[in-house]
Structures are given as C-alpha cells and as structure tokens.
C-alpha cells in the first residue's frame, strides 16, 4: 500500500474541543478546533515515531481495519466536518 488516509473528527465535549482519529485510540484536545487538530497531529506524530520501524505500527493499523500497511506507506490525516 502506497498511502493510507486516516480520518479524524473534532467535536465539542465537556467544555473543550476533542479531535479523534476514527478507528484508532488517538486524540487531541484544545480550546478551539484548530488547537484540537494541532494537538492530534502532534499526538499522531509521536505515535508514529514511537512505533516506526517496528512491527507494532503495521499490526495496530491492521487490527484497526487497515491491512497491508508497510514501513514505506505514507500516512495522511484528513479532518472531516
């Protein structure tokens, strides 16, 4: 697989904005939509860096419904309204 586009959504939750990646346990929060998105991007970067070069990244993505992800697959994050 050359590219995987992961989708994320931002919702107002208990006095703050929360951005979550569909199908993965990743989230960021903030006082605005932009802050929540930025926080999620940072969380995702750290998550990828932590798991990059190990089989765990491919395994977690496969278990989340994204089989065929390899080390050279580009991961993209798309925010839906």
Protein backbone atom coordinates (compact mmCIF):
# COMPACT_ATOMS: atom_id res chain seq x y z
CA UNK A 1 0.00 0.00 0.00
CA UNK A 2 1.47 3.35 -1.05
CA UNK A 3 -0.73 5.67 1.01
CA UNK A 4 -3.23 5.42 3.85
CA UNK A 5 -5.59 8.30 4.63
CA UNK A 6 -6.83 8.26 8.21
CA UNK A 7 -9.89 10.33 9.03
CA UNK A 8 -10.39 12.40 12.15
CA UNK A 9 -13.26 14.41 13.55
CA UNK A 10 -13.45 17.29 16.01
CA UNK A 11 -16.33 17.54 18.46
CA UNK A 12 -17.23 19.78 21.36
CA UNK A 13 -17.07 17.66 24.51
CA UNK A 14 -17.44 18.79 28.10
CA UNK A 15 -16.17 22.34 27.61
CA UNK A 16 -13.38 21.62 25.12
CA UNK A 17 -12.81 20.53 21.55
CA UNK A 18 -11.63 16.95 21.10
CA UNK A 19 -10.13 15.64 17.86
CA UNK A 20 -10.13 11.86 17.42
CA UNK A 21 -8.83 9.57 14.70
CA UNK A 22 -11.53 7.17 13.51
CA UNK A 23 -10.65 3.59 14.44
CA UNK A 24 -7.51 4.44 16.43
CA UNK A 25 -7.09 5.39 20.10
CA UNK A 26 -5.52 8.77 19.29
CA UNK A 27 -6.94 12.11 20.37
CA UNK A 28 -6.00 15.71 20.98
CA UNK A 29 -7.87 18.49 22.70
CA UNK A 30 -7.89 22.25 22.81
CA UNK A 31 -9.85 25.43 23.38
CA UNK A 32 -10.54 25.75 19.64
CA UNK A 33 -10.99 23.42 16.69
CA UNK A 34 -7.53 24.39 15.39
CA UNK A 35 -5.88 23.72 18.76
CA UNK A 36 -7.52 20.29 18.96
CA UNK A 37 -6.42 19.46 15.41
CA UNK A 38 -2.87 20.62 16.10
CA UNK A 39 -2.76 18.59 19.31
CA UNK A 40 -3.96 15.48 17.47
CA UNK A 41 -1.36 15.95 14.73
CA UNK A 42 1.34 16.13 17.42
CA UNK A 43 -0.02 13.01 19.17
CA UNK A 44 -0.09 11.15 15.86
CA UNK A 45 3.49 12.17 15.02
CA UNK A 46 4.72 10.91 18.37
CA UNK A 47 2.72 7.69 17.95
CA UNK A 48 4.21 7.08 14.50
CA UNK A 49 7.76 7.89 15.66
CA UNK A 50 7.38 5.57 18.64
CA UNK A 51 6.14 2.68 16.50
CA UNK A 52 8.08 3.34 13.30
CA UNK A 53 10.50 0.60 12.36
CA UNK A 54 8.69 -1.95 14.49
CA UNK A 55 6.02 -4.43 13.56
CA UNK A 56 3.66 -2.83 16.07
CA UNK A 57 2.66 0.04 13.75
CA UNK A 58 1.66 -2.33 10.98
CA UNK A 59 -0.07 -4.64 13.47
CA UNK A 60 -2.09 -1.87 15.15
CA UNK A 61 -3.20 -0.47 11.80
CA UNK A 62 -4.10 -3.95 10.54
CA UNK A 63 -6.17 -4.63 13.66
CA UNK A 64 -7.92 -1.28 13.15
CA UNK A 65 -9.03 -2.38 9.68
CA UNK A 66 -6.10 -1.21 7.57
CA UNK A 67 -4.30 -4.36 6.39
CA UNK A 68 -1.37 -4.12 4.00
CA UNK A 69 0.35 -1.14 5.61
CA UNK A 70 4.10 -1.43 5.27
CA UNK A 71 7.00 0.61 6.60
CA UNK A 72 7.16 2.76 3.46
CA UNK A 73 3.40 3.51 3.41
CA UNK A 74 2.67 7.25 3.64
CA UNK A 75 0.16 8.08 6.38
CA UNK A 76 -2.11 11.08 5.81
CA UNK A 77 -4.55 12.63 8.28
CA UNK A 78 -7.76 14.18 6.97
CA UNK A 79 -10.17 16.10 9.18
CA UNK A 80 -13.87 15.72 8.37
CA UNK A 81 -16.51 18.22 9.36
